[in-house]
């Protein structure tokens, strides 16, 4: 009997951080090439172009009203997350899609949208280092500073950009196994070796 397709959905909204979405999309898309059981889609208020913080337009495959059931939901961050977390239609969709999903994840300040949707109450979580104080101010969340990602139950949050890629590679090891995650990493040739800059801090 053929396996049913499992769907990971990345949520887009105006002024999202493009690499928070595209990095995980690459990982999950590569997983789909290795295992056709998985596919990744993008979801926004309505299907069509959504402009990122840096001006890159990414086309959402689905609107909230016609999106498929998601097995995995991923919410990226970006400066637009502050406005998005006060958008009742977006928050309601994240809440509804997340409640029926097996996994709920975020990158960067996407954690604040997850919090507003009710997924971080009483949980440990992380976000971009510059937004830790904002997440703490929302209350009822145990913010873990300096963590690349935090896994609690079926919720995984990560810090910014590159941490999102790391988190989703870890996530693939949970969805499948470490060997598959390593294969995805190799296919992406994701072995970061950034230049060292004098006076840089981590």
C-alpha atoms as a PDB file:
ATOM      1  CA  UNK A   1       0.000   0.000   0.000  1.00  0.00           C
ATOM      2  CA  UNK A   2       1.374   3.415  -0.935  1.00  0.00           C
ATOM      3  CA  UNK A   3       2.353   5.675   1.926  1.00  0.00           C
ATOM      4  CA  UNK A   4       0.296   8.806   2.452  1.00  0.00           C
ATOM      5  CA  UNK A   5       2.133  12.075   1.877  1.00  0.00           C
ATOM      6  CA  UNK A   6       3.160  13.967   4.989  1.00  0.00           C
ATOM      7  CA  UNK A   7       3.222  17.745   4.729  1.00  0.00           C
ATOM      8  CA  UNK A   8       5.445  20.315   6.375  1.00  0.00           C
ATOM      9  CA  UNK A   9       4.147  23.857   6.076  1.00  0.00           C
ATOM     10  CA  UNK A  10       6.157  27.059   6.407  1.00  0.00           C
ATOM     11  CA  UNK A  11       4.084  30.095   7.341  1.00  0.00           C
ATOM     12  CA  UNK A  12       4.782  33.351   5.509  1.00  0.00           C
ATOM     13  CA  UNK A  13       3.732  36.889   6.459  1.00  0.00           C
ATOM     14  CA  UNK A  14       4.916  40.374   5.403  1.00  0.00           C
ATOM     15  CA  UNK A  15       8.482  41.228   6.467  1.00  0.00           C
ATOM     16  CA  UNK A  16       9.445  37.709   7.522  1.00  0.00           C
ATOM     17  CA  UNK A  17      13.171  36.925   7.576  1.00  0.00           C
ATOM     18  CA  UNK A  18      13.752  35.043   4.324  1.00  0.00           C
ATOM     19  CA  UNK A  19      16.484  32.697   5.534  1.00  0.00           C
ATOM     20  CA  UNK A  20      14.371  31.717   8.541  1.00  0.00           C
ATOM     21  CA  UNK A  21      11.976  30.265   5.974  1.00  0.00           C
ATOM     22  CA  UNK A  22      14.211  29.328   3.046  1.00  0.00           C
ATOM     23  CA  UNK A  23      16.872  27.555   5.141  1.00  0.00           C
ATOM     24  CA  UNK A  24      14.352  25.131   6.654  1.00  0.00           C
ATOM     25  CA  UNK A  25      12.622  24.860   3.272  1.00  0.00           C
ATOM     26  CA  UNK A  26      15.896  23.644   1.759  1.00  0.00           C
ATOM     27  CA  UNK A  27      16.333  21.024   4.481  1.00  0.00           C
ATOM     28  CA  UNK A  28      12.751  19.785   4.269  1.00  0.00           C
ATOM     29  CA  UNK A  29      12.765  19.942   0.481  1.00  0.00           C
ATOM     30  CA  UNK A  30      15.905  17.824   0.410  1.00  0.00           C
ATOM     31  CA  UNK A  31      14.227  15.365   2.764  1.00  0.00           C
ATOM     32  CA  UNK A  32      11.408  15.129   0.212  1.00  0.00           C
ATOM     33  CA  UNK A  33      13.911  14.215  -2.493  1.00  0.00           C
ATOM     34  CA  UNK A  34      15.282  11.402  -0.337  1.00  0.00           C
ATOM     35  CA  UNK A  35      11.904  10.296   0.966  1.00  0.00           C
ATOM     36  CA  UNK A  36       8.875  11.028  -1.269  1.00  0.00           C
ATOM     37  CA  UNK A  37       6.642  10.464   1.744  1.00  0.00           C
ATOM     38  CA  UNK A  38       7.444  14.080   2.693  1.00  0.00           C
ATOM     39  CA  UNK A  39       6.651  17.360   0.963  1.00  0.00           C
ATOM     40  CA  UNK A  40       7.007  21.001   2.013  1.00  0.00           C
ATOM     41  CA  UNK A  41       4.606  23.826   1.191  1.00  0.00           C
ATOM     42  CA  UNK A  42       4.346  27.518   2.003  1.00  0.00           C
ATOM     43  CA  UNK A  43       1.195  29.023   3.511  1.00  0.00           C
ATOM     44  CA  UNK A  44       0.137  32.667   3.921  1.00  0.00           C
ATOM     45  CA  UNK A  45      -3.038  34.658   4.382  1.00  0.00           C
ATOM     46  CA  UNK A  46      -3.664  34.103   0.694  1.00  0.00           C
ATOM     47  CA  UNK A  47      -1.778  32.283  -2.052  1.00  0.00           C
ATOM     48  CA  UNK A  48       0.668  34.423  -3.988  1.00  0.00           C
ATOM     49  CA  UNK A  49       3.756  36.566  -3.392  1.00  0.00           C
ATOM     50  CA  UNK A  50       4.730  37.530   0.145  1.00  0.00           C
ATOM     51  CA  UNK A  51       7.464  40.137   0.526  1.00  0.00           C
ATOM     52  CA  UNK A  52      10.250  39.400   2.987  1.00  0.00           C
ATOM     53  CA  UNK A  53      12.039  41.932   5.167  1.00  0.00           C
ATOM     54  CA  UNK A  54      14.809  42.339   2.578  1.00  0.00           C
ATOM     55  CA  UNK A  55      12.400  42.606  -0.335  1.00  0.00           C
ATOM     56  CA  UNK A  56      12.509  39.043  -1.654  1.00  0.00           C
ATOM     57  CA  UNK A  57       9.100  37.895  -2.850  1.00  0.00           C
ATOM     58  CA  UNK A  58       8.285  34.257  -2.105  1.00  0.00           C
ATOM     59  CA  UNK A  59       5.122  32.764  -3.537  1.00  0.00           C
ATOM     60  CA  UNK A  60       2.870  31.119  -0.975  1.00  0.00           C
ATOM     61  CA  UNK A  61       1.471  27.851  -2.316  1.00  0.00           C
ATOM     62  CA  UNK A  62      -1.709  28.119  -0.260  1.00  0.00           C
ATOM     63  CA  UNK A  63      -3.835  30.581   1.655  1.00  0.00           C
ATOM     64  CA  UNK A  64      -5.117  29.832   5.134  1.00  0.00           C
ATOM     65  CA  UNK A  65      -8.484  28.806   3.724  1.00  0.00           C
ATOM     66  CA  UNK A  66      -7.225  26.198   1.254  1.00  0.00           C
ATOM     67  CA  UNK A  67      -4.079  24.905   2.958  1.00  0.00           C
ATOM     68  CA  UNK A  68      -3.743  21.142   3.394  1.00  0.00           C
ATOM     69  CA  UNK A  69      -3.580  19.586   6.819  1.00  0.00           C
ATOM     70  CA  UNK A  70      -0.040  20.037   8.111  1.00  0.00           C
ATOM     71  CA  UNK A  71       1.917  17.351   9.904  1.00  0.00           C
ATOM     72  CA  UNK A  72       4.609  19.914  10.703  1.00  0.00           C
ATOM     73  CA  UNK A  73       4.181  23.654  11.075  1.00  0.00           C
ATOM     74  CA  UNK A  74       7.174  26.013  11.010  1.00  0.00           C
ATOM     75  CA  UNK A  75       6.891  29.719  11.792  1.00  0.00           C
ATOM     76  CA  UNK A  76       9.865  31.891  10.748  1.00  0.00           C
ATOM     77  CA  UNK A  77      10.860  35.108  12.462  1.00  0.00           C
ATOM     78  CA  UNK A  78      11.734  38.576  11.256  1.00  0.00           C
ATOM     79  CA  UNK A  79      10.747  42.126  12.121  1.00  0.00           C
ATOM     80  CA  UNK A  80       7.303  41.417  10.688  1.00  0.00           C
ATOM     81  CA  UNK A  81       6.653  38.925  13.479  1.00  0.00           C
ATOM     82  CA  UNK A  82       5.743  41.762  15.855  1.00  0.00           C
ATOM     83  CA  UNK A  83       2.857  42.799  13.629  1.00  0.00           C
ATOM     84  CA  UNK A  84       2.013  39.208  12.689  1.00  0.00           C
ATOM     85  CA  UNK A  85       1.579  38.183  16.313  1.00  0.00           C
ATOM     86  CA  UNK A  86      -1.207  40.758  16.572  1.00  0.00           C
ATOM     87  CA  UNK A  87      -2.940  39.529  13.406  1.00  0.00           C
ATOM     88  CA  UNK A  88      -5.859  37.453  14.726  1.00  0.00           C
ATOM     89  CA  UNK A  89      -6.380  35.611  11.443  1.00  0.00           C
ATOM     90  CA  UNK A  90      -2.750  34.488  11.273  1.00  0.00           C
ATOM     91  CA  UNK A  91      -2.628  33.562  14.955  1.00  0.00           C
ATOM     92  CA  UNK A  92      -5.885  31.630  14.661  1.00  0.00           C
ATOM     93  CA  UNK A  93      -4.513  29.720  11.677  1.00  0.00           C
ATOM     94  CA  UNK A  94      -1.248  28.890  13.469  1.00  0.00           C
ATOM     95  CA  UNK A  95      -3.233  27.746  16.512  1.00  0.00           C
ATOM     96  CA  UNK A  96      -5.595  25.582  14.474  1.00  0.00           C
ATOM     97  CA  UNK A  97      -2.929  24.118  12.177  1.00  0.00           C
ATOM     98  CA  UNK A  98      -0.586  23.533  15.093  1.00  0.00           C
ATOM     99  CA  UNK A  99      -3.199  21.766  17.188  1.00  0.00           C
ATOM    100  CA  UNK A 100      -3.760  19.205  14.444  1.00  0.00           C
ATOM    101  CA  UNK A 101      -0.065  18.917  13.534  1.00  0.00           C
ATOM    102  CA  UNK A 102       2.308  16.365  14.988  1.00  0.00           C
ATOM    103  CA  UNK A 103       5.106  18.918  15.351  1.00  0.00           C
ATOM    104  CA  UNK A 104       5.123  22.683  15.969  1.00  0.00           C
ATOM    105  CA  UNK A 105       8.365  24.567  15.303  1.00  0.00           C
ATOM    106  CA  UNK A 106       9.725  28.089  14.957  1.00  0.00           C
ATOM    107  CA  UNK A 107      12.839  29.973  13.978  1.00  0.00           C
ATOM    108  CA  UNK A 108      13.943  33.223  15.619  1.00  0.00           C
ATOM    109  CA  UNK A 109      11.073  35.521  16.638  1.00  0.00           C
ATOM    110  CA  UNK A 110       8.575  33.085  15.156  1.00  0.00           C
ATOM    111  CA  UNK A 111       8.550  31.899  18.786  1.00  0.00           C
ATOM    112  CA  UNK A 112       6.535  34.993  19.714  1.00  0.00           C
ATOM    113  CA  UNK A 113       3.826  33.983  17.241  1.00  0.00           C
ATOM    114  CA  UNK A 114       3.837  30.464  18.706  1.00  0.00           C
ATOM    115  CA  UNK A 115       3.491  32.016  22.144  1.00  0.00           C
ATOM    116  CA  UNK A 116       0.538  34.138  21.049  1.00  0.00           C
ATOM    117  CA  UNK A 117      -1.055  31.017  19.559  1.00  0.00           C
ATOM    118  CA  UNK A 118      -0.741  29.263  22.919  1.00  0.00           C
ATOM    119  CA  UNK A 119       2.035  26.765  22.262  1.00  0.00           C
ATOM    120  CA  UNK A 120       4.725  28.043  24.640  1.00  0.00           C
ATOM    121  CA  UNK A 121       2.760  28.414  27.872  1.00  0.00           C
ATOM    122  CA  UNK A 122       4.870  26.903  30.642  1.00  0.00           C
ATOM    123  CA  UNK A 123       7.427  25.565  28.152  1.00  0.00           C
ATOM    124  CA  UNK A 124      11.147  26.182  27.654  1.00  0.00           C
ATOM    125  CA  UNK A 125      11.892  27.958  24.368  1.00  0.00           C
ATOM    126  CA  UNK A 126      14.463  30.103  22.623  1.00  0.00           C
ATOM    127  CA  UNK A 127      14.633  32.868  20.039  1.00  0.00           C
ATOM    128  CA  UNK A 128      17.107  35.289  18.442  1.00  0.00           C
ATOM    129  CA  UNK A 129      19.525  36.705  21.012  1.00  0.00           C
ATOM    130  CA  UNK A 130      18.312  40.266  20.379  1.00  0.00           C
ATOM    131  CA  UNK A 131      14.686  39.297  21.040  1.00  0.00           C
ATOM    132  CA  UNK A 132      15.154  37.308  24.254  1.00  0.00           C
ATOM    133  CA  UNK A 133      13.852  40.210  26.325  1.00  0.00           C
ATOM    134  CA  UNK A 134      10.744  40.470  24.125  1.00  0.00           C
ATOM    135  CA  UNK A 135       9.911  36.797  24.504  1.00  0.00           C
ATOM    136  CA  UNK A 136      10.474  36.980  28.261  1.00  0.00           C
ATOM    137  CA  UNK A 137       8.166  39.995  28.468  1.00  0.00           C
ATOM    138  CA  UNK A 138       5.304  37.936  27.026  1.00  0.00           C
ATOM    139  CA  UNK A 139       5.366  35.888  30.226  1.00  0.00           C
ATOM    140  CA  UNK A 140       4.709  32.223  31.024  1.00  0.00           C
ATOM    141  CA  UNK A 141       7.636  30.926  28.967  1.00  0.00           C
ATOM    142  CA  UNK A 142      11.003  29.665  30.199  1.00  0.00           C
ATOM    143  CA  UNK A 143      13.377  31.408  27.784  1.00  0.00           C
ATOM    144  CA  UNK A 144      16.669  29.562  27.317  1.00  0.00           C
ATOM    145  CA  UNK A 145      19.323  32.073  26.334  1.00  0.00           C
ATOM    146  CA  UNK A 146      22.254  30.976  24.207  1.00  0.00           C
ATOM    147  CA  UNK A 147      20.629  27.755  22.970  1.00  0.00           C
ATOM    148  CA  UNK A 148      20.668  26.920  19.253  1.00  0.00           C
ATOM    149  CA  UNK A 149      17.359  25.112  19.645  1.00  0.00           C
ATOM    150  CA  UNK A 150      15.109  23.911  22.447  1.00  0.00           C
ATOM    151  CA  UNK A 151      13.030  20.733  22.154  1.00  0.00           C
ATOM    152  CA  UNK A 152      10.125  20.203  24.540  1.00  0.00           C
ATOM    153  CA  UNK A 153       7.498  17.591  23.721  1.00  0.00           C
ATOM    154  CA  UNK A 154       6.262  18.220  20.184  1.00  0.00           C
ATOM    155  CA  UNK A 155       7.470  21.838  20.131  1.00  0.00           C
ATOM    156  CA  UNK A 156      10.916  22.876  18.911  1.00  0.00           C
ATOM    157  CA  UNK A 157      12.074  26.502  18.841  1.00  0.00           C
ATOM    158  CA  UNK A 158      15.383  27.806  17.534  1.00  0.00           C
ATOM    159  CA  UNK A 159      17.489  30.930  17.527  1.00  0.00           C
ATOM    160  CA  UNK A 160      18.047  32.958  14.351  1.00  0.00           C
ATOM    161  CA  UNK A 161      18.790  32.049  10.715  1.00  0.00           C
ATOM    162  CA  UNK A 162      21.618  29.491  10.822  1.00  0.00           C
ATOM    163  CA  UNK A 163      20.246  27.997  14.032  1.00  0.00           C
ATOM    164  CA  UNK A 164      17.032  27.331  12.129  1.00  0.00           C
ATOM    165  CA  UNK A 165      18.907  25.160   9.636  1.00  0.00           C
ATOM    166  CA  UNK A 166      20.633  23.319  12.485  1.00  0.00           C
ATOM    167  CA  UNK A 167      17.303  22.792  14.220  1.00  0.00           C
ATOM    168  CA  UNK A 168      15.595  21.368  11.140  1.00  0.00           C
ATOM    169  CA  UNK A 169      18.496  18.979  10.486  1.00  0.00           C
ATOM    170  CA  UNK A 170      18.055  17.784  14.071  1.00  0.00           C
ATOM    171  CA  UNK A 171      14.329  17.586  13.410  1.00  0.00           C
ATOM    172  CA  UNK A 172      14.904  15.381  10.339  1.00  0.00           C
ATOM    173  CA  UNK A 173      16.819  12.988  12.581  1.00  0.00           C
ATOM    174  CA  UNK A 174      13.642  12.730  14.683  1.00  0.00           C
ATOM    175  CA  UNK A 175      11.307  12.367  11.704  1.00  0.00           C
ATOM    176  CA  UNK A 176      13.507   9.695  10.116  1.00  0.00           C
ATOM    177  CA  UNK A 177      16.906   8.897  11.626  1.00  0.00           C
ATOM    178  CA  UNK A 178      20.409  10.320  11.980  1.00  0.00           C
ATOM    179  CA  UNK A 179      21.590   8.677   8.771  1.00  0.00           C
ATOM    180  CA  UNK A 180      18.895  10.448   6.754  1.00  0.00           C
ATOM    181  CA  UNK A 181      19.690  13.760   8.456  1.00  0.00           C
ATOM    182  CA  UNK A 182      23.376  13.299   7.620  1.00  0.00           C
ATOM    183  CA  UNK A 183      22.461  12.553   3.992  1.00  0.00           C
ATOM    184  CA  UNK A 184      20.408  15.755   3.804  1.00  0.00           C
ATOM    185  CA  UNK A 185      23.288  17.705   5.315  1.00  0.00           C
ATOM    186  CA  UNK A 186      25.721  16.206   2.790  1.00  0.00           C
ATOM    187  CA  UNK A 187      23.436  16.922  -0.168  1.00  0.00           C
ATOM    188  CA  UNK A 188      23.153  20.539   0.985  1.00  0.00           C
ATOM    189  CA  UNK A 189      26.913  20.632   1.623  1.00  0.00           C
ATOM    190  CA  UNK A 190      26.040  22.373   4.850  1.00  0.00           C
ATOM    191  CA  UNK A 191      29.292  22.449   6.788  1.00  0.00           C
ATOM    192  CA  UNK A 192      29.569  26.064   8.003  1.00  0.00           C
ATOM    193  CA  UNK A 193      33.062  27.509   8.156  1.00  0.00           C
ATOM    194  CA  UNK A 194      32.533  31.272   8.449  1.00  0.00           C
ATOM    195  CA  UNK A 195      35.558  33.570   8.334  1.00  0.00           C
ATOM    196  CA  UNK A 196      36.986  34.677  11.663  1.00  0.00           C
ATOM    197  CA  UNK A 197      36.753  38.398  12.303  1.00  0.00           C
ATOM    198  CA  UNK A 198      38.891  40.229  14.843  1.00  0.00           C
ATOM    199  CA  UNK A 199      36.802  41.353  17.781  1.00  0.00           C
ATOM    200  CA  UNK A 200      33.793  39.278  16.797  1.00  0.00           C
ATOM    201  CA  UNK A 201      31.666  37.835  19.579  1.00  0.00           C
ATOM    202  CA  UNK A 202      29.291  34.879  19.525  1.00  0.00           C
END
